[in-house]
C-alpha atoms as a PDB file:
ATOM      1  CA  UNK A   1      48.449   6.787  -6.095  1.00  0.00           C
ATOM      2  CA  UNK A   2      45.942   4.297  -4.499  1.00  0.00           C
ATOM      3  CA  UNK A   3      45.003   4.744  -0.891  1.00  0.00           C
ATOM      4  CA  UNK A   4      43.441   1.994   1.027  1.00  0.00           C
ATOM      5  CA  UNK A   5      41.023   4.370   2.471  1.00  0.00           C
ATOM      6  CA  UNK A   6      40.048   5.325  -1.010  1.00  0.00           C
ATOM      7  CA  UNK A   7      39.302   1.499  -1.747  1.00  0.00           C
ATOM      8  CA  UNK A   8      37.272   1.424   1.591  1.00  0.00           C
ATOM      9  CA  UNK A   9      35.416   4.366   0.398  1.00  0.00           C
ATOM     10  CA  UNK A  10      34.600   3.109  -3.125  1.00  0.00           C
ATOM     11  CA  UNK A  11      33.474  -0.222  -1.357  1.00  0.00           C
ATOM     12  CA  UNK A  12      31.087   1.640   0.986  1.00  0.00           C
ATOM     13  CA  UNK A  13      29.586   3.608  -1.862  1.00  0.00           C
ATOM     14  CA  UNK A  14      29.211   0.201  -3.891  1.00  0.00           C
ATOM     15  CA  UNK A  15      27.474  -1.040  -1.045  1.00  0.00           C
ATOM     16  CA  UNK A  16      25.049   1.795  -0.417  1.00  0.00           C
ATOM     17  CA  UNK A  17      24.009   1.586  -4.192  1.00  0.00           C
ATOM     18  CA  UNK A  18      23.354  -2.036  -3.987  1.00  0.00           C
ATOM     19  CA  UNK A  19      21.225  -1.632  -1.009  1.00  0.00           C
ATOM     20  CA  UNK A  20      19.358   1.150  -2.766  1.00  0.00           C
ATOM     21  CA  UNK A  21      19.021  -1.010  -5.904  1.00  0.00           C
ATOM     22  CA  UNK A  22      17.696  -3.977  -3.652  1.00  0.00           C
ATOM     23  CA  UNK A  23      15.236  -1.646  -1.820  1.00  0.00           C
ATOM     24  CA  UNK A  24      13.674  -0.292  -4.995  1.00  0.00           C
ATOM     25  CA  UNK A  25      13.404  -3.712  -6.496  1.00  0.00           C
ATOM     26  CA  UNK A  26      11.373  -5.076  -3.302  1.00  0.00           C
ATOM     27  CA  UNK A  27       8.939  -1.964  -3.398  1.00  0.00           C
ATOM     28  CA  UNK A  28       8.446  -2.391  -7.139  1.00  0.00           C
ATOM     29  CA  UNK A  29       7.674  -5.994  -6.516  1.00  0.00           C
ATOM     30  CA  UNK A  30       5.240  -5.348  -3.701  1.00  0.00           C
ATOM     31  CA  UNK A  31       3.698  -2.440  -5.776  1.00  0.00           C
ATOM     32  CA  UNK A  32       3.491  -4.905  -8.923  1.00  0.00           C
ATOM     33  CA  UNK A  33       1.845  -7.709  -6.853  1.00  0.00           C
ATOM     34  CA  UNK A  34      -0.456  -5.697  -4.932  1.00  0.00           C
ATOM     35  CA  UNK A  35      -1.628  -3.381  -7.332  1.00  0.00           C
ATOM     36  CA  UNK A  36      -1.790  -5.135 -10.379  1.00  0.00           C
ATOM     37  CA  UNK A  37      -3.044  -8.583  -9.024  1.00  0.00           C
ATOM     38  CA  UNK A  38      -5.165  -8.191  -6.067  1.00  0.00           C
ATOM     39  CA  UNK A  39      -7.684  -6.013  -7.504  1.00  0.00           C
ATOM     40  CA  UNK A  40      -8.460  -8.644 -10.019  1.00  0.00           C
ATOM     41  CA  UNK A  41      -9.173 -11.286  -7.311  1.00  0.00           C
ATOM     42  CA  UNK A  42     -12.634 -10.694  -6.802  1.00  0.00           C
ATOM     43  CA  UNK A  43     -13.453 -11.317 -10.461  1.00  0.00           C
ATOM     44  CA  UNK A  44     -11.240 -14.616 -10.290  1.00  0.00           C
ATOM     45  CA  UNK A  45     -13.255 -15.681  -7.139  1.00  0.00           C
ATOM     46  CA  UNK A  46     -16.665 -14.996  -8.653  1.00  0.00           C
ATOM     47  CA  UNK A  47     -16.003 -16.708 -11.973  1.00  0.00           C
ATOM     48  CA  UNK A  48     -14.335 -19.720 -10.097  1.00  0.00           C
ATOM     49  CA  UNK A  49     -17.424 -20.059  -7.830  1.00  0.00           C
ATOM     50  CA  UNK A  50     -19.820 -19.408 -10.459  1.00  0.00           C
ATOM     51  CA  UNK A  51     -18.451 -21.870 -12.945  1.00  0.00           C
ATOM     52  CA  UNK A  52     -21.234 -23.425 -14.959  1.00  0.00           C
ATOM     53  CA  UNK A  53     -24.060 -21.340 -13.245  1.00  0.00           C
ATOM     54  CA  UNK A  54     -25.776 -18.212 -13.732  1.00  0.00           C
ATOM     55  CA  UNK A  55     -24.215 -15.443 -11.744  1.00  0.00           C
ATOM     56  CA  UNK A  56     -26.214 -14.709  -8.602  1.00  0.00           C
ATOM     57  CA  UNK A  57     -25.631 -13.563  -5.082  1.00  0.00           C
ATOM     58  CA  UNK A  58     -25.122 -17.127  -3.749  1.00  0.00           C
ATOM     59  CA  UNK A  59     -21.855 -17.160  -6.184  1.00  0.00           C
ATOM     60  CA  UNK A  60     -20.928 -13.858  -4.794  1.00  0.00           C
ATOM     61  CA  UNK A  61     -21.518 -15.119  -1.336  1.00  0.00           C
ATOM     62  CA  UNK A  62     -19.485 -18.184  -1.915  1.00  0.00           C
ATOM     63  CA  UNK A  63     -16.588 -16.196  -3.240  1.00  0.00           C
ATOM     64  CA  UNK A  64     -16.846 -13.677  -0.186  1.00  0.00           C
ATOM     65  CA  UNK A  65     -16.792 -16.286   2.378  1.00  0.00           C
ATOM     66  CA  UNK A  66     -13.623 -18.086   0.756  1.00  0.00           C
ATOM     67  CA  UNK A  67     -11.701 -15.114   0.599  1.00  0.00           C
ATOM     68  CA  UNK A  68     -12.572 -14.630   4.023  1.00  0.00           C
ATOM     69  CA  UNK A  69     -11.556 -17.693   4.989  1.00  0.00           C
ATOM     70  CA  UNK A  70      -8.193 -17.452   3.305  1.00  0.00           C
ATOM     71  CA  UNK A  71      -7.445 -14.164   4.989  1.00  0.00           C
ATOM     72  CA  UNK A  72      -8.304 -15.668   8.193  1.00  0.00           C
ATOM     73  CA  UNK A  73      -5.759 -18.498   7.718  1.00  0.00           C
ATOM     74  CA  UNK A  74      -3.222 -16.122   6.661  1.00  0.00           C
ATOM     75  CA  UNK A  75      -3.592 -14.104   9.806  1.00  0.00           C
ATOM     76  CA  UNK A  76      -3.667 -17.222  11.903  1.00  0.00           C
ATOM     77  CA  UNK A  77      -0.552 -18.474  10.365  1.00  0.00           C
ATOM     78  CA  UNK A  78       1.036 -14.997  11.280  1.00  0.00           C
ATOM     79  CA  UNK A  79      -0.466 -15.310  14.802  1.00  0.00           C
ATOM     80  CA  UNK A  80       1.086 -18.922  15.110  1.00  0.00           C
ATOM     81  CA  UNK A  81       4.417 -18.067  14.082  1.00  0.00           C
ATOM     82  CA  UNK A  82       5.198 -14.336  15.023  1.00  0.00           C
ATOM     83  CA  UNK A  83       6.785 -15.013  18.238  1.00  0.00           C
ATOM     84  CA  UNK A  84       8.844 -17.935  16.636  1.00  0.00           C
ATOM     85  CA  UNK A  85      10.226 -15.543  14.038  1.00  0.00           C
ATOM     86  CA  UNK A  86      10.657 -12.657  16.599  1.00  0.00           C
ATOM     87  CA  UNK A  87      13.129 -15.085  18.309  1.00  0.00           C
ATOM     88  CA  UNK A  88      14.440 -15.908  15.080  1.00  0.00           C
ATOM     89  CA  UNK A  89      15.111 -12.457  14.107  1.00  0.00           C
ATOM     90  CA  UNK A  90      16.890 -11.525  17.304  1.00  0.00           C
ATOM     91  CA  UNK A  91      19.380 -14.548  16.609  1.00  0.00           C
ATOM     92  CA  UNK A  92      19.915 -14.243  13.004  1.00  0.00           C
ATOM     93  CA  UNK A  93      19.250 -10.411  12.184  1.00  0.00           C
ATOM     94  CA  UNK A  94      15.902  -8.741  11.257  1.00  0.00           C
ATOM     95  CA  UNK A  95      17.053  -7.891   7.829  1.00  0.00           C
ATOM     96  CA  UNK A  96      17.078 -11.432   6.444  1.00  0.00           C
ATOM     97  CA  UNK A  97      13.734 -12.347   7.883  1.00  0.00           C
ATOM     98  CA  UNK A  98      12.200  -9.314   6.796  1.00  0.00           C
ATOM     99  CA  UNK A  99      13.230  -9.947   3.200  1.00  0.00           C
ATOM    100  CA  UNK A 100      12.002 -13.556   3.585  1.00  0.00           C
ATOM    101  CA  UNK A 101       8.877 -12.460   4.750  1.00  0.00           C
ATOM    102  CA  UNK A 102       8.330  -9.912   2.192  1.00  0.00           C
ATOM    103  CA  UNK A 103       9.145 -12.668  -0.504  1.00  0.00           C
ATOM    104  CA  UNK A 104       6.819 -14.965   1.391  1.00  0.00           C
ATOM    105  CA  UNK A 105       3.804 -12.477   1.352  1.00  0.00           C
ATOM    106  CA  UNK A 106       3.948 -12.250  -2.294  1.00  0.00           C
ATOM    107  CA  UNK A 107       4.040 -16.078  -2.966  1.00  0.00           C
ATOM    108  CA  UNK A 108       0.059 -16.234  -3.272  1.00  0.00           C
ATOM    109  CA  UNK A 109      -0.221 -13.189  -5.383  1.00  0.00           C
ATOM    110  CA  UNK A 110       2.539 -14.522  -7.780  1.00  0.00           C
ATOM    111  CA  UNK A 111       0.620 -17.966  -7.590  1.00  0.00           C
ATOM    112  CA  UNK A 112      -2.555 -16.334  -8.558  1.00  0.00           C
ATOM    113  CA  UNK A 113      -0.873 -14.245 -11.301  1.00  0.00           C
ATOM    114  CA  UNK A 114       0.946 -17.531 -12.752  1.00  0.00           C
ATOM    115  CA  UNK A 115      -2.187 -19.607 -12.537  1.00  0.00           C
ATOM    116  CA  UNK A 116      -5.377 -17.417 -12.851  1.00  0.00           C
ATOM    117  CA  UNK A 117      -7.857 -20.084 -12.744  1.00  0.00           C
ATOM    118  CA  UNK A 118      -6.329 -22.317  -9.849  1.00  0.00           C
ATOM    119  CA  UNK A 119      -7.714 -20.645  -6.724  1.00  0.00           C
ATOM    120  CA  UNK A 120      -7.226 -23.534  -4.537  1.00  0.00           C
ATOM    121  CA  UNK A 121      -3.662 -23.264  -5.311  1.00  0.00           C
ATOM    122  CA  UNK A 122      -4.036 -19.628  -4.223  1.00  0.00           C
ATOM    123  CA  UNK A 123      -5.701 -20.365  -0.918  1.00  0.00           C
ATOM    124  CA  UNK A 124      -2.960 -22.982  -0.265  1.00  0.00           C
ATOM    125  CA  UNK A 125      -0.246 -20.500  -0.867  1.00  0.00           C
ATOM    126  CA  UNK A 126      -2.110 -17.798   1.349  1.00  0.00           C
ATOM    127  CA  UNK A 127      -2.019 -20.055   4.133  1.00  0.00           C
ATOM    128  CA  UNK A 128       1.817 -20.819   3.329  1.00  0.00           C
ATOM    129  CA  UNK A 129       2.437 -17.191   3.064  1.00  0.00           C
ATOM    130  CA  UNK A 130       0.992 -16.475   6.521  1.00  0.00           C
ATOM    131  CA  UNK A 131       3.116 -19.171   7.919  1.00  0.00           C
ATOM    132  CA  UNK A 132       6.423 -17.318   6.638  1.00  0.00           C
ATOM    133  CA  UNK A 133       7.938 -14.644   8.783  1.00  0.00           C
ATOM    134  CA  UNK A 134       5.296 -11.628   9.403  1.00  0.00           C
ATOM    135  CA  UNK A 135       6.944  -8.597   8.033  1.00  0.00           C
ATOM    136  CA  UNK A 136       4.545  -6.392   9.646  1.00  0.00           C
ATOM    137  CA  UNK A 137       5.585  -7.204  13.406  1.00  0.00           C
ATOM    138  CA  UNK A 138       9.325  -6.845  12.167  1.00  0.00           C
ATOM    139  CA  UNK A 139       8.682  -3.639  10.529  1.00  0.00           C
ATOM    140  CA  UNK A 140       7.584  -2.064  13.999  1.00  0.00           C
ATOM    141  CA  UNK A 141      10.529  -3.894  15.963  1.00  0.00           C
ATOM    142  CA  UNK A 142      12.756  -2.111  13.263  1.00  0.00           C
ATOM    143  CA  UNK A 143      11.323   1.149  13.565  1.00  0.00           C
ATOM    144  CA  UNK A 144      11.702   0.970  17.258  1.00  0.00           C
ATOM    145  CA  UNK A 145      15.210   0.166  17.025  1.00  0.00           C
ATOM    146  CA  UNK A 146      15.960   2.930  14.478  1.00  0.00           C
ATOM    147  CA  UNK A 147      14.475   5.960  16.255  1.00  0.00           C
ATOM    148  CA  UNK A 148      16.335   6.970  19.493  1.00  0.00           C
ATOM    149  CA  UNK A 149      14.516   6.506  22.716  1.00  0.00           C
ATOM    150  CA  UNK A 150      14.761  10.547  23.298  1.00  0.00           C
ATOM    151  CA  UNK A 151      12.370  11.071  20.153  1.00  0.00           C
ATOM    152  CA  UNK A 152       9.848   8.322  20.881  1.00  0.00           C
END
């Protein structure tokens, strides 16, 4: 015989499995992007800035400057929008904005992966990725919410 409690228990088990599968997917997404693409970024930058020239220290210096500028713009976006997303996460829930932030952080990496020779597009996507929700700040807020005050 079918009991309503059995149905609710099965639904809860299914939700847990779906959440676990999504967690594994997002973890794999981050590992694949950071581990496979970002180590290649310096060689992309040097080849882009040294195109048609002999590779020398000035090419490497231009590539380093461009990378530093893109990272500065990324963190400027985080700085500018962190309070806005903090307020939105309180209103709409941290989980949704956290996932949106993780996806936003991966946009520049996948842009570089899809178009390896198009560094200006990568830099533009880096700025946009910084303006999307900053998952770092929400990560610490989520930990603070999950850990009981007695243990902190």
